[in-house]
Amino acid sequence: MKAVQIRTTGGPEVLEFVDLPTPQPKDDEVLVQAHSIGVGMPDVLVRTGRYPWMPPMPAVIGIEMSGYVVAKGPKVTNLQVGDAVFVSARELAFRGNCYAQFLCANANAVYSLPSGVDLEAAACLSNYQVAWHLLHSAPNGHRFSTVLVWAAAGGVGSAIVELAKIAGKTIIALAGSSEKCNFAMELGANSIINYKTENVEERIAILTRGKGVDLVLDPVGGQEFHRNFSYLAPLGLVINYGMLEGIPDPSYAAAMQQRFGDSLGFRFFSMHVFDKSPERRRAAMDELLPMLASGTIRPTISQRMQLKDARKAHELFDSGKILGKLLLKP
């Protein structure tokens, strides 16, 4: 089979399009033939060596694919050959193996897709799983009605906007171009702010009548992370779930202390929190799969590229020009 693997970490140039043996399913496994493969930030973190849970080298990267069961082990009873499925590497031993024409996985780690679900849309579900948990699990009882969404035009950000709209939240979307802002508005954001051309703090004050927002969802981190705490209402919460610009600078502690009387909160969030409680991780899918089948959520596919062009796909992803989801087609 054809696959994309890395032998060392670095830029898109480390991605190699190679021939590998097609895996054969064990007694409790299924063999899935890929239909669509999602490209996302976890893939980039593994490629660049910044992922704290790196797979052993050489590694086939990729955390999500949709496809069909084409073979199964004799002990598999919950899936049949021909079934449409979604595979998330979050259910596998390592975050990887999805940039390939075929993948073997334990049958209990594979999500059966409802009849008629579009397999390209299904390949976007990892983003929606993160978004669902950011809205429903990560706040951990924190009640909020307004949410500020950084990178609102990206894969996870756009999923947050969709799901927050469904949940009845007031959404302020942040993006770095007029095109991205318009895209976030089309998805359902109540207000948009171009953080490159507008004063974010002033605009939030106007939009919230001086109160601030209840929740900030930030995948950016970096030197300016402390700014998020000036956007919050009293008892507000900031959740960091990514490090696009690096680890959040420790200055955020001083920013929180400056508003000591407002009792602000902060949480780092990772999907790895569910590694020892996979049933909680899968709870999101129990809600998302019916929503996908009914058309309640509609993932936006930005572009489709061939698996052999994974290097070009990562160059495009690194450019920050993607609206929604980028897919690889085997």
C-alpha atoms as a PDB file:
ATOM      1  CA  MET A   1       0.000   0.000   0.000  1.00  0.00           C
ATOM      2  CA  LYS A   2       0.959   3.657  -0.319  1.00  0.00           C
ATOM      3  CA  ALA A   3       1.499   5.681   2.838  1.00  0.00           C
ATOM      4  CA  VAL A   4       3.139   8.853   4.112  1.00  0.00           C
ATOM      5  CA  GLN A   5       5.712   8.442   6.850  1.00  0.00           C
ATOM      6  CA  ILE A   6       8.469  10.351   8.593  1.00  0.00           C
ATOM      7  CA  ARG A   7      11.896   9.094   9.610  1.00  0.00           C
ATOM      8  CA  THR A   8      12.865  12.325  11.304  1.00  0.00           C
ATOM      9  CA  THR A   9      11.042  15.477  12.364  1.00  0.00           C
ATOM     10  CA  GLY A  10      11.026  18.847  10.646  1.00  0.00           C
ATOM     11  CA  GLY A  11       9.261  20.745   7.901  1.00  0.00           C
ATOM     12  CA  PRO A  12       6.991  19.342   5.190  1.00  0.00           C
ATOM     13  CA  GLU A  13      10.079  18.014   3.405  1.00  0.00           C
ATOM     14  CA  VAL A  14      10.370  15.153   5.945  1.00  0.00           C
ATOM     15  CA  LEU A  15       7.119  13.622   4.646  1.00  0.00           C
ATOM     16  CA  GLU A  16       7.896  10.601   2.470  1.00  0.00           C
ATOM     17  CA  PHE A  17       5.429   8.907   0.118  1.00  0.00           C
ATOM     18  CA  VAL A  18       6.375   5.241   0.425  1.00  0.00           C
ATOM     19  CA  ASP A  19       5.342   1.667  -0.272  1.00  0.00           C
ATOM     20  CA  LEU A  20       4.585  -0.370   2.850  1.00  0.00           C
ATOM     21  CA  PRO A  21       3.118  -3.850   3.365  1.00  0.00           C
ATOM     22  CA  THR A  22      -0.666  -3.798   3.595  1.00  0.00           C
ATOM     23  CA  PRO A  23      -1.479  -4.751   7.205  1.00  0.00           C
ATOM     24  CA  GLN A  24      -3.527  -7.870   7.922  1.00  0.00           C
ATOM     25  CA  PRO A  25      -6.204  -7.832  10.635  1.00  0.00           C
ATOM     26  CA  LYS A  26      -5.723  -9.866  13.794  1.00  0.00           C
ATOM     27  CA  ASP A  27      -8.591 -11.826  15.327  1.00  0.00           C
ATOM     28  CA  ASP A  28     -10.225  -8.729  16.886  1.00  0.00           C
ATOM     29  CA  GLU A  29      -9.283  -6.213  14.208  1.00  0.00           C
ATOM     30  CA  VAL A  30     -10.702  -4.816  10.987  1.00  0.00           C
ATOM     31  CA  LEU A  31      -8.865  -3.644   7.892  1.00  0.00           C
ATOM     32  CA  VAL A  32     -10.129  -0.247   6.734  1.00  0.00           C
ATOM     33  CA  GLN A  33      -9.580   1.080   3.231  1.00  0.00           C
ATOM     34  CA  ALA A  34      -9.291   4.845   3.351  1.00  0.00           C
ATOM     35  CA  HIS A  35     -11.759   7.076   1.532  1.00  0.00           C
ATOM     36  CA  SER A  36     -10.749  10.469   2.989  1.00  0.00           C
ATOM     37  CA  ILE A  37      -7.979  11.470   5.383  1.00  0.00           C
ATOM     38  CA  GLY A  38      -8.057  14.612   7.500  1.00  0.00           C
ATOM     39  CA  VAL A  39      -5.109  16.969   7.861  1.00  0.00           C
ATOM     40  CA  GLY A  40      -4.888  18.682  11.224  1.00  0.00           C
ATOM     41  CA  MET A  41      -2.674  20.327  13.811  1.00  0.00           C
ATOM     42  CA  PRO A  42      -1.799  17.065  15.623  1.00  0.00           C
ATOM     43  CA  ASP A  43      -0.243  15.828  12.361  1.00  0.00           C
ATOM     44  CA  VAL A  44       1.901  18.956  12.199  1.00  0.00           C
ATOM     45  CA  LEU A  45       2.952  18.598  15.839  1.00  0.00           C
ATOM     46  CA  VAL A  46       4.088  15.021  15.215  1.00  0.00           C
ATOM     47  CA  ARG A  47       5.837  16.007  11.985  1.00  0.00           C
ATOM     48  CA  THR A  48       7.741  18.782  13.749  1.00  0.00           C
ATOM     49  CA  GLY A  49       8.527  16.748  16.867  1.00  0.00           C
ATOM     50  CA  ARG A  50       6.550  19.015  19.184  1.00  0.00           C
ATOM     51  CA  TYR A  51       3.978  16.416  20.202  1.00  0.00           C
ATOM     52  CA  PRO A  52       4.475  15.191  23.791  1.00  0.00           C
ATOM     53  CA  TRP A  53       3.227  11.697  22.845  1.00  0.00           C
ATOM     54  CA  MET A  54       5.403  10.965  19.809  1.00  0.00           C
ATOM     55  CA  PRO A  55       4.980   7.614  18.020  1.00  0.00           C
ATOM     56  CA  PRO A  56       8.067   5.441  17.454  1.00  0.00           C
ATOM     57  CA  MET A  57      10.014   6.158  14.261  1.00  0.00           C
ATOM     58  CA  PRO A  58       9.617   5.629  11.381  1.00  0.00           C
ATOM     59  CA  ALA A  59       6.006   6.701  11.775  1.00  0.00           C
ATOM     60  CA  VAL A  60       3.018   6.952   9.471  1.00  0.00           C
ATOM     61  CA  ILE A  61       1.362  10.151  10.650  1.00  0.00           C
ATOM     62  CA  GLY A  62      -2.308  11.181  10.633  1.00  0.00           C
ATOM     63  CA  ILE A  63      -5.024  10.962  13.277  1.00  0.00           C
ATOM     64  CA  GLU A  64      -8.255  10.554  11.279  1.00  0.00           C
ATOM     65  CA  MET A  65      -9.705   8.787   8.276  1.00  0.00           C
ATOM     66  CA  SER A  66     -13.020   7.629   6.925  1.00  0.00           C
ATOM     67  CA  GLY A  67     -13.386   4.527   4.809  1.00  0.00           C
ATOM     68  CA  TYR A  68     -14.810   1.042   4.454  1.00  0.00           C
ATOM     69  CA  VAL A  69     -14.169  -2.236   6.230  1.00  0.00           C
ATOM     70  CA  VAL A  70     -12.606  -4.553   3.634  1.00  0.00           C
ATOM     71  CA  ALA A  71     -11.547  -7.434   5.891  1.00  0.00           C
ATOM     72  CA  LYS A  72     -12.016  -8.491   9.496  1.00  0.00           C
ATOM     73  CA  GLY A  73     -10.733 -10.961  12.036  1.00  0.00           C
ATOM     74  CA  PRO A  74     -12.832 -13.985  13.065  1.00  0.00           C
ATOM     75  CA  LYS A  75     -13.701 -12.548  16.492  1.00  0.00           C
ATOM     76  CA  VAL A  76     -15.197  -9.318  15.110  1.00  0.00           C
ATOM     77  CA  THR A  77     -18.998  -9.265  15.414  1.00  0.00           C
ATOM     78  CA  ASN A  78     -19.868  -5.559  15.590  1.00  0.00           C
ATOM     79  CA  LEU A  79     -18.714  -4.685  12.056  1.00  0.00           C
ATOM     80  CA  GLN A  80     -19.146  -6.269   8.642  1.00  0.00           C
ATOM     81  CA  VAL A  81     -17.159  -6.065   5.416  1.00  0.00           C
ATOM     82  CA  GLY A  82     -18.517  -3.109   3.462  1.00  0.00           C
ATOM     83  CA  ASP A  83     -19.467  -1.033   6.532  1.00  0.00           C
ATOM     84  CA  ALA A  84     -18.617   2.664   6.367  1.00  0.00           C
ATOM     85  CA  VAL A  85     -16.499   3.709   9.352  1.00  0.00           C
ATOM     86  CA  PHE A  86     -14.529   6.538  10.908  1.00  0.00           C
ATOM     87  CA  VAL A  87     -11.148   5.872  12.499  1.00  0.00           C
ATOM     88  CA  SER A  88      -9.698   8.218  15.099  1.00  0.00           C
ATOM     89  CA  ALA A  89      -6.125   7.605  16.199  1.00  0.00           C
ATOM     90  CA  ARG A  90      -7.220   8.845  19.608  1.00  0.00           C
ATOM     91  CA  GLU A  91      -8.586   5.323  20.042  1.00  0.00           C
ATOM     92  CA  LEU A  92      -5.323   3.699  18.922  1.00  0.00           C
ATOM     93  CA  ALA A  93      -2.052   2.976  20.735  1.00  0.00           C
ATOM     94  CA  PHE A  94      -0.314   5.900  19.008  1.00  0.00           C
ATOM     95  CA  ARG A  95      -1.547   9.076  17.383  1.00  0.00           C
ATOM     96  CA  GLY A  96      -0.865   8.116  13.785  1.00  0.00           C
ATOM     97  CA  ASN A  97      -1.215   5.558  10.974  1.00  0.00           C
ATOM     98  CA  CYS A  98      -3.997   7.368   9.073  1.00  0.00           C
ATOM     99  CA  TYR A  99      -1.960   8.771   6.153  1.00  0.00           C
ATOM    100  CA  ALA A 100      -2.248   5.434   4.364  1.00  0.00           C
ATOM    101  CA  GLN A 101      -4.450   3.560   1.932  1.00  0.00           C
ATOM    102  CA  PHE A 102      -5.199   0.913   4.569  1.00  0.00           C
ATOM    103  CA  LEU A 103      -5.236   0.757   8.355  1.00  0.00           C
ATOM    104  CA  CYS A 104      -5.790  -2.054  10.862  1.00  0.00           C
ATOM    105  CA  ALA A 105      -7.526  -1.260  14.141  1.00  0.00           C
ATOM    106  CA  ASN A 106      -9.295  -3.052  16.933  1.00  0.00           C
ATOM    107  CA  ALA A 107     -12.952  -3.271  15.965  1.00  0.00           C
ATOM    108  CA  ASN A 108     -13.993  -1.589  19.213  1.00  0.00           C
ATOM    109  CA  ALA A 109     -11.836   1.445  18.372  1.00  0.00           C
ATOM    110  CA  VAL A 110     -13.665   2.107  15.094  1.00  0.00           C
ATOM    111  CA  TYR A 111     -16.807   4.224  14.781  1.00  0.00           C
ATOM    112  CA  SER A 112     -19.564   2.796  12.622  1.00  0.00           C
ATOM    113  CA  LEU A 113     -21.101   5.520  10.456  1.00  0.00           C
ATOM    114  CA  PRO A 114     -24.857   5.945  10.005  1.00  0.00           C
ATOM    115  CA  SER A 115     -26.255   4.995   6.626  1.00  0.00           C
ATOM    116  CA  GLY A 116     -25.865   7.690   4.000  1.00  0.00           C
ATOM    117  CA  VAL A 117     -23.268   9.786   5.821  1.00  0.00           C
ATOM    118  CA  ASP A 118     -20.882  11.594   3.499  1.00  0.00           C
ATOM    119  CA  LEU A 119     -17.455  10.064   4.062  1.00  0.00           C
ATOM    120  CA  GLU A 120     -15.613  13.300   3.324  1.00  0.00           C
ATOM    121  CA  ALA A 121     -17.619  15.057   6.021  1.00  0.00           C
ATOM    122  CA  ALA A 122     -16.990  12.142   8.376  1.00  0.00           C
ATOM    123  CA  ALA A 123     -13.225  12.612   7.965  1.00  0.00           C
ATOM    124  CA  CYS A 124     -13.625  15.974   9.737  1.00  0.00           C
ATOM    125  CA  LEU A 125     -15.054  14.504  12.929  1.00  0.00           C
ATOM    126  CA  SER A 126     -11.863  14.743  14.996  1.00  0.00           C
ATOM    127  CA  ASN A 127     -12.138  18.531  14.926  1.00  0.00           C
ATOM    128  CA  TYR A 128     -15.744  18.350  16.061  1.00  0.00           C
ATOM    129  CA  GLN A 129     -14.830  15.947  18.852  1.00  0.00           C
ATOM    130  CA  VAL A 130     -12.322  18.477  20.223  1.00  0.00           C
ATOM    131  CA  ALA A 131     -14.802  21.322  19.772  1.00  0.00           C
ATOM    132  CA  TRP A 132     -17.551  19.392  21.580  1.00  0.00           C
ATOM    133  CA  HIS A 133     -15.320  18.727  24.575  1.00  0.00           C
ATOM    134  CA  LEU A 134     -14.096  22.326  24.657  1.00  0.00           C
ATOM    135  CA  LEU A 135     -17.702  23.452  24.997  1.00  0.00           C
ATOM    136  CA  HIS A 136     -19.105  20.673  27.166  1.00  0.00           C
ATOM    137  CA  SER A 137     -16.275  19.014  29.122  1.00  0.00           C
ATOM    138  CA  ALA A 138     -13.371  21.432  29.480  1.00  0.00           C
ATOM    139  CA  PRO A 139     -15.454  24.196  31.173  1.00  0.00           C
ATOM    140  CA  ASN A 140     -16.158  21.572  33.892  1.00  0.00           C
ATOM    141  CA  GLY A 141     -19.307  23.186  35.231  1.00  0.00           C
ATOM    142  CA  HIS A 142     -18.351  26.751  34.335  1.00  0.00           C
ATOM    143  CA  ARG A 143     -21.535  28.394  33.102  1.00  0.00           C
ATOM    144  CA  PHE A 144     -21.169  30.641  30.092  1.00  0.00           C
ATOM    145  CA  SER A 145     -23.362  32.381  27.571  1.00  0.00           C
ATOM    146  CA  THR A 146     -20.706  34.267  25.573  1.00  0.00           C
ATOM    147  CA  VAL A 147     -17.645  32.631  24.031  1.00  0.00           C
ATOM    148  CA  LEU A 148     -14.661  34.190  22.263  1.00  0.00           C
ATOM    149  CA  VAL A 149     -13.238  31.836  19.615  1.00  0.00           C
ATOM    150  CA  TRP A 150      -9.674  32.338  18.394  1.00  0.00           C
ATOM    151  CA  ALA A 151      -8.754  30.966  14.932  1.00  0.00           C
ATOM    152  CA  ALA A 152     -12.458  30.729  14.182  1.00  0.00           C
ATOM    153  CA  ALA A 153     -11.934  29.905  10.497  1.00  0.00           C
ATOM    154  CA  GLY A 154      -9.697  26.893  11.140  1.00  0.00           C
ATOM    155  CA  GLY A 155     -10.692  23.247  11.463  1.00  0.00           C
ATOM    156  CA  VAL A 156     -11.387  23.184  15.208  1.00  0.00           C
ATOM    157  CA  GLY A 157     -12.370  26.850  15.390  1.00  0.00           C
ATOM    158  CA  SER A 158     -15.038  26.529  12.712  1.00  0.00           C
ATOM    159  CA  ALA A 159     -16.377  23.411  14.449  1.00  0.00           C
ATOM    160  CA  ILE A 160     -16.570  25.354  17.725  1.00  0.00           C
ATOM    161  CA  VAL A 161     -18.583  28.089  16.026  1.00  0.00           C
ATOM    162  CA  GLU A 162     -21.041  25.558  14.599  1.00  0.00           C
ATOM    163  CA  LEU A 163     -21.499  23.660  17.854  1.00  0.00           C
ATOM    164  CA  ALA A 164     -21.671  26.786  20.009  1.00  0.00           C
ATOM    165  CA  LYS A 165     -24.423  28.120  17.751  1.00  0.00           C
ATOM    166  CA  ILE A 166     -26.352  24.876  18.156  1.00  0.00           C
ATOM    167  CA  ALA A 167     -25.907  25.162  21.932  1.00  0.00           C
ATOM    168  CA  GLY A 168     -27.406  28.652  21.890  1.00  0.00           C
ATOM    169  CA  LYS A 169     -24.239  30.549  22.863  1.00  0.00           C
ATOM    170  CA  THR A 170     -23.336  34.065  21.781  1.00  0.00           C
ATOM    171  CA  ILE A 171     -20.186  33.758  19.687  1.00  0.00           C
ATOM    172  CA  ILE A 172     -17.505  36.366  19.046  1.00  0.00           C
ATOM    173  CA  ALA A 173     -15.154  35.034  16.380  1.00  0.00           C
ATOM    174  CA  LEU A 174     -11.552  36.158  15.964  1.00  0.00           C
ATOM    175  CA  ALA A 175      -9.769  35.730  12.635  1.00  0.00           C
ATOM    176  CA  GLY A 176      -6.914  37.349  10.759  1.00  0.00           C
ATOM    177  CA  SER A 177      -8.434  38.369   7.419  1.00  0.00           C
ATOM    178  CA  SER A 178     -11.708  39.668   6.040  1.00  0.00           C
ATOM    179  CA  GLU A 179     -12.169  36.374   4.164  1.00  0.00           C
ATOM    180  CA  LYS A 180     -11.800  34.360   7.360  1.00  0.00           C
ATOM    181  CA  CYS A 181     -14.058  36.714   9.295  1.00  0.00           C
ATOM    182  CA  ASN A 182     -16.785  36.410   6.664  1.00  0.00           C
ATOM    183  CA  PHE A 183     -16.419  32.635   6.735  1.00  0.00           C
ATOM    184  CA  ALA A 184     -16.886  32.562  10.521  1.00  0.00           C
ATOM    185  CA  MET A 185     -19.971  34.761  10.214  1.00  0.00           C
ATOM    186  CA  GLU A 186     -21.458  32.412   7.634  1.00  0.00           C
ATOM    187  CA  LEU A 187     -20.943  29.539  10.073  1.00  0.00           C
ATOM    188  CA  GLY A 188     -23.037  31.294  12.675  1.00  0.00           C
ATOM    189  CA  ALA A 189     -20.850  33.677  14.672  1.00  0.00           C
ATOM    190  CA  ASN A 190     -22.806  36.572  16.140  1.00  0.00           C
ATOM    191  CA  SER A 191     -19.898  39.006  15.797  1.00  0.00           C
ATOM    192  CA  ILE A 192     -16.505  38.948  14.126  1.00  0.00           C
ATOM    193  CA  ILE A 193     -13.251  40.727  14.939  1.00  0.00           C
ATOM    194  CA  ASN A 194     -10.253  40.962  12.633  1.00  0.00           C
ATOM    195  CA  TYR A 195      -7.479  40.849  15.227  1.00  0.00           C
ATOM    196  CA  LYS A 196      -4.939  42.167  12.699  1.00  0.00           C
ATOM    197  CA  THR A 197      -6.792  45.395  11.949  1.00  0.00           C
ATOM    198  CA  GLU A 198      -9.003  46.027  14.997  1.00  0.00           C
ATOM    199  CA  ASN A 199      -8.440  46.662  18.689  1.00  0.00           C
ATOM    200  CA  VAL A 200      -9.763  43.403  20.123  1.00  0.00           C
ATOM    201  CA  GLU A 201     -10.197  44.621  23.695  1.00  0.00           C
ATOM    202  CA  GLU A 202     -12.140  47.711  22.623  1.00  0.00           C
ATOM    203  CA  ARG A 203     -14.364  45.747  20.271  1.00  0.00           C
ATOM    204  CA  ILE A 204     -15.167  43.157  22.935  1.00  0.00           C
ATOM    205  CA  ALA A 205     -16.028  45.919  25.389  1.00  0.00           C
ATOM    206  CA  ILE A 206     -18.437  47.411  22.847  1.00  0.00           C
ATOM    207  CA  LEU A 207     -19.980  44.065  21.883  1.00  0.00           C
ATOM    208  CA  THR A 208     -20.506  42.997  25.506  1.00  0.00           C
ATOM    209  CA  ARG A 209     -21.428  46.477  26.817  1.00  0.00           C
ATOM    210  CA  GLY A 210     -18.362  46.535  29.008  1.00  0.00           C
ATOM    211  CA  LYS A 211     -18.982  43.185  30.682  1.00  0.00           C
ATOM    212  CA  GLY A 212     -16.503  40.977  28.815  1.00  0.00           C
ATOM    213  CA  VAL A 213     -16.940  37.376  27.687  1.00  0.00           C
ATOM    214  CA  ASP A 214     -17.563  34.353  29.868  1.00  0.00           C
ATOM    215  CA  LEU A 215     -15.247  31.955  28.019  1.00  0.00           C
ATOM    216  CA  VAL A 216     -12.179  32.310  25.784  1.00  0.00           C
ATOM    217  CA  LEU A 217     -11.038  29.342  23.689  1.00  0.00           C
ATOM    218  CA  ASP A 218      -7.442  29.856  22.566  1.00  0.00           C
ATOM    219  CA  PRO A 219      -5.266  27.476  20.480  1.00  0.00           C
ATOM    220  CA  VAL A 220      -2.607  30.146  19.930  1.00  0.00           C
ATOM    221  CA  GLY A 221      -0.638  30.506  23.182  1.00  0.00           C
ATOM    222  CA  GLY A 222       2.639  32.382  22.746  1.00  0.00           C
ATOM    223  CA  GLN A 223       4.007  35.663  24.059  1.00  0.00           C
ATOM    224  CA  GLU A 224       0.697  37.529  23.944  1.00  0.00           C
ATOM    225  CA  PHE A 225      -1.415  34.901  25.668  1.00  0.00           C
ATOM    226  CA  HIS A 226      -1.931  37.176  28.696  1.00  0.00           C
ATOM    227  CA  ARG A 227      -4.171  39.438  26.589  1.00  0.00           C
ATOM    228  CA  ASN A 228      -7.031  36.937  26.930  1.00  0.00           C
ATOM    229  CA  PHE A 229      -7.589  37.868  30.572  1.00  0.00           C
ATOM    230  CA  SER A 230      -8.433  41.458  29.663  1.00  0.00           C
ATOM    231  CA  TYR A 231     -11.330  40.131  27.567  1.00  0.00           C
ATOM    232  CA  LEU A 232     -13.052  38.249  30.395  1.00  0.00           C
ATOM    233  CA  ALA A 233     -16.117  39.058  32.457  1.00  0.00           C
ATOM    234  CA  PRO A 234     -15.825  38.495  36.218  1.00  0.00           C
ATOM    235  CA  LEU A 235     -15.603  34.745  36.945  1.00  0.00           C
ATOM    236  CA  GLY A 236     -14.640  34.230  33.297  1.00  0.00           C
ATOM    237  CA  LEU A 237     -12.495  31.334  32.104  1.00  0.00           C
ATOM    238  CA  VAL A 238      -9.697  31.025  29.526  1.00  0.00           C
ATOM    239  CA  ILE A 239      -8.998  27.596  28.032  1.00  0.00           C
ATOM    240  CA  ASN A 240      -5.799  27.032  26.082  1.00  0.00           C
ATOM    241  CA  TYR A 241      -5.929  23.962  23.850  1.00  0.00           C
ATOM    242  CA  GLY A 242      -3.028  24.518  21.454  1.00  0.00           C
ATOM    243  CA  MET A 243       0.292  26.265  20.991  1.00  0.00           C
ATOM    244  CA  LEU A 244       0.294  27.658  17.447  1.00  0.00           C
ATOM    245  CA  GLU A 245       2.670  30.389  18.613  1.00  0.00           C
ATOM    246  CA  GLY A 246       4.355  28.410  21.376  1.00  0.00           C
ATOM    247  CA  ILE A 247       3.814  27.756  25.059  1.00  0.00           C
ATOM    248  CA  PRO A 248       1.740  30.492  26.760  1.00  0.00           C
ATOM    249  CA  ASP A 249       4.124  33.024  28.249  1.00  0.00           C
ATOM    250  CA  PRO A 250       4.113  32.933  32.087  1.00  0.00           C
ATOM    251  CA  SER A 251       3.087  36.609  32.129  1.00  0.00           C
ATOM    252  CA  TYR A 252      -0.525  35.387  32.081  1.00  0.00           C
ATOM    253  CA  ALA A 253      -0.226  34.844  35.852  1.00  0.00           C
ATOM    254  CA  ALA A 254       0.399  38.547  36.419  1.00  0.00           C
ATOM    255  CA  ALA A 255      -2.535  39.403  34.149  1.00  0.00           C
ATOM    256  CA  MET A 256      -4.789  37.221  36.287  1.00  0.00           C
ATOM    257  CA  GLN A 257      -3.442  38.677  39.496  1.00  0.00           C
ATOM    258  CA  GLN A 258      -4.105  42.221  38.286  1.00  0.00           C
ATOM    259  CA  ARG A 259      -7.786  41.275  38.249  1.00  0.00           C
ATOM    260  CA  PHE A 260      -7.691  39.311  41.486  1.00  0.00           C
ATOM    261  CA  GLY A 261     -11.076  40.622  42.546  1.00  0.00           C
ATOM    262  CA  ASP A 262     -12.732  39.255  39.405  1.00  0.00           C
ATOM    263  CA  SER A 263     -11.831  35.625  40.216  1.00  0.00           C
ATOM    264  CA  LEU A 264     -10.701  34.701  36.723  1.00  0.00           C
ATOM    265  CA  GLY A 265      -9.914  31.124  35.751  1.00  0.00           C
ATOM    266  CA  PHE A 266      -7.480  29.343  33.430  1.00  0.00           C
ATOM    267  CA  ARG A 267      -7.190  25.769  32.156  1.00  0.00           C
ATOM    268  CA  PHE A 268      -4.881  23.904  29.819  1.00  0.00           C
ATOM    269  CA  PHE A 269      -6.924  21.341  27.896  1.00  0.00           C
ATOM    270  CA  SER A 270      -5.789  18.242  26.012  1.00  0.00           C
ATOM    271  CA  MET A 271      -7.805  15.347  24.618  1.00  0.00           C
ATOM    272  CA  HIS A 272      -5.263  13.123  26.361  1.00  0.00           C
ATOM    273  CA  VAL A 273      -7.177  13.787  29.582  1.00  0.00           C
ATOM    274  CA  PHE A 274      -9.501  11.026  28.377  1.00  0.00           C
ATOM    275  CA  ASP A 275      -6.797   8.445  27.643  1.00  0.00           C
ATOM    276  CA  LYS A 276      -7.793   6.519  30.774  1.00  0.00           C
ATOM    277  CA  SER A 277     -11.511   7.147  30.330  1.00  0.00           C
ATOM    278  CA  PRO A 278     -12.181   6.547  26.629  1.00  0.00           C
ATOM    279  CA  GLU A 279     -15.909   6.287  27.267  1.00  0.00           C
ATOM    280  CA  ARG A 280     -15.916  10.004  28.090  1.00  0.00           C
ATOM    281  CA  ARG A 281     -13.969  10.782  24.935  1.00  0.00           C
ATOM    282  CA  ARG A 282     -16.389   8.755  22.827  1.00  0.00           C
ATOM    283  CA  ALA A 283     -19.407  10.494  24.397  1.00  0.00           C
ATOM    284  CA  ALA A 284     -18.882  13.349  21.968  1.00  0.00           C
ATOM    285  CA  MET A 285     -19.245  10.993  19.016  1.00  0.00           C
ATOM    286  CA  ASP A 286     -22.519   9.662  20.391  1.00  0.00           C
ATOM    287  CA  GLU A 287     -23.910  13.151  19.840  1.00  0.00           C
ATOM    288  CA  LEU A 288     -21.944  14.138  16.751  1.00  0.00           C
ATOM    289  CA  LEU A 289     -22.712  11.149  14.524  1.00  0.00           C
ATOM    290  CA  PRO A 290     -26.505  11.728  14.547  1.00  0.00           C
ATOM    291  CA  MET A 291     -25.885  15.448  13.982  1.00  0.00           C
ATOM    292  CA  LEU A 292     -23.730  14.642  10.968  1.00  0.00           C
ATOM    293  CA  ALA A 293     -26.292  12.199   9.601  1.00  0.00           C
ATOM    294  CA  SER A 294     -29.115  14.726   9.933  1.00  0.00           C
ATOM    295  CA  GLY A 295     -27.128  17.601   8.425  1.00  0.00           C
ATOM    296  CA  THR A 296     -27.204  19.578  11.676  1.00  0.00           C
ATOM    297  CA  ILE A 297     -23.457  19.981  11.356  1.00  0.00           C
ATOM    298  CA  ARG A 298     -21.941  20.540   7.924  1.00  0.00           C
ATOM    299  CA  PRO A 299     -18.137  20.437   7.840  1.00  0.00           C
ATOM    300  CA  THR A 300     -16.599  22.778   5.311  1.00  0.00           C
ATOM    301  CA  ILE A 301     -14.043  21.110   3.052  1.00  0.00           C
ATOM    302  CA  SER A 302     -11.467  23.708   2.062  1.00  0.00           C
ATOM    303  CA  GLN A 303      -9.511  21.606  -0.389  1.00  0.00           C
ATOM    304  CA  ARG A 304      -8.897  18.027  -1.486  1.00  0.00           C
ATOM    305  CA  MET A 305      -5.412  16.824  -2.403  1.00  0.00           C
ATOM    306  CA  GLN A 306      -3.935  13.459  -3.310  1.00  0.00           C
ATOM    307  CA  LEU A 307      -2.190  11.453  -0.594  1.00  0.00           C
ATOM    308  CA  LYS A 308       0.998  11.581  -2.660  1.00  0.00           C
ATOM    309  CA  ASP A 309       0.866  15.369  -2.304  1.00  0.00           C
ATOM    310  CA  ALA A 310       0.896  15.322   1.510  1.00  0.00           C
ATOM    311  CA  ARG A 311       4.017  17.490   1.519  1.00  0.00           C
ATOM    312  CA  LYS A 312       2.239  20.200  -0.487  1.00  0.00           C
ATOM    313  CA  ALA A 313      -0.811  19.811   1.771  1.00  0.00           C
ATOM    314  CA  HIS A 314       1.321  20.506   4.847  1.00  0.00           C
ATOM    315  CA  GLU A 315       2.900  23.512   3.168  1.00  0.00           C
ATOM    316  CA  LEU A 316      -0.589  24.842   2.545  1.00  0.00           C
ATOM    317  CA  PHE A 317      -1.665  24.049   6.112  1.00  0.00           C
ATOM    318  CA  ASP A 318       1.414  25.786   7.523  1.00  0.00           C
ATOM    319  CA  SER A 319       0.577  28.890   5.468  1.00  0.00           C
ATOM    320  CA  GLY A 320      -2.562  29.464   7.549  1.00  0.00           C
ATOM    321  CA  LYS A 321      -4.719  29.940   4.462  1.00  0.00           C
ATOM    322  CA  ILE A 322      -7.088  27.050   5.087  1.00  0.00           C
ATOM    323  CA  LEU A 323     -10.777  27.769   5.680  1.00  0.00           C
ATOM    324  CA  GLY A 324     -12.318  24.740   7.355  1.00  0.00           C
ATOM    325  CA  LYS A 325     -10.799  21.326   6.610  1.00  0.00           C
ATOM    326  CA  LEU A 326      -8.105  20.041   4.262  1.00  0.00           C
ATOM    327  CA  LEU A 327      -8.464  16.445   3.087  1.00  0.00           C
ATOM    328  CA  LEU A 328      -6.116  13.929   1.517  1.00  0.00           C
ATOM    329  CA  LYS A 329      -7.538  11.430  -0.968  1.00  0.00           C
ATOM    330  CA  PRO A 330      -5.807   8.051  -1.324  1.00  0.00           C
END
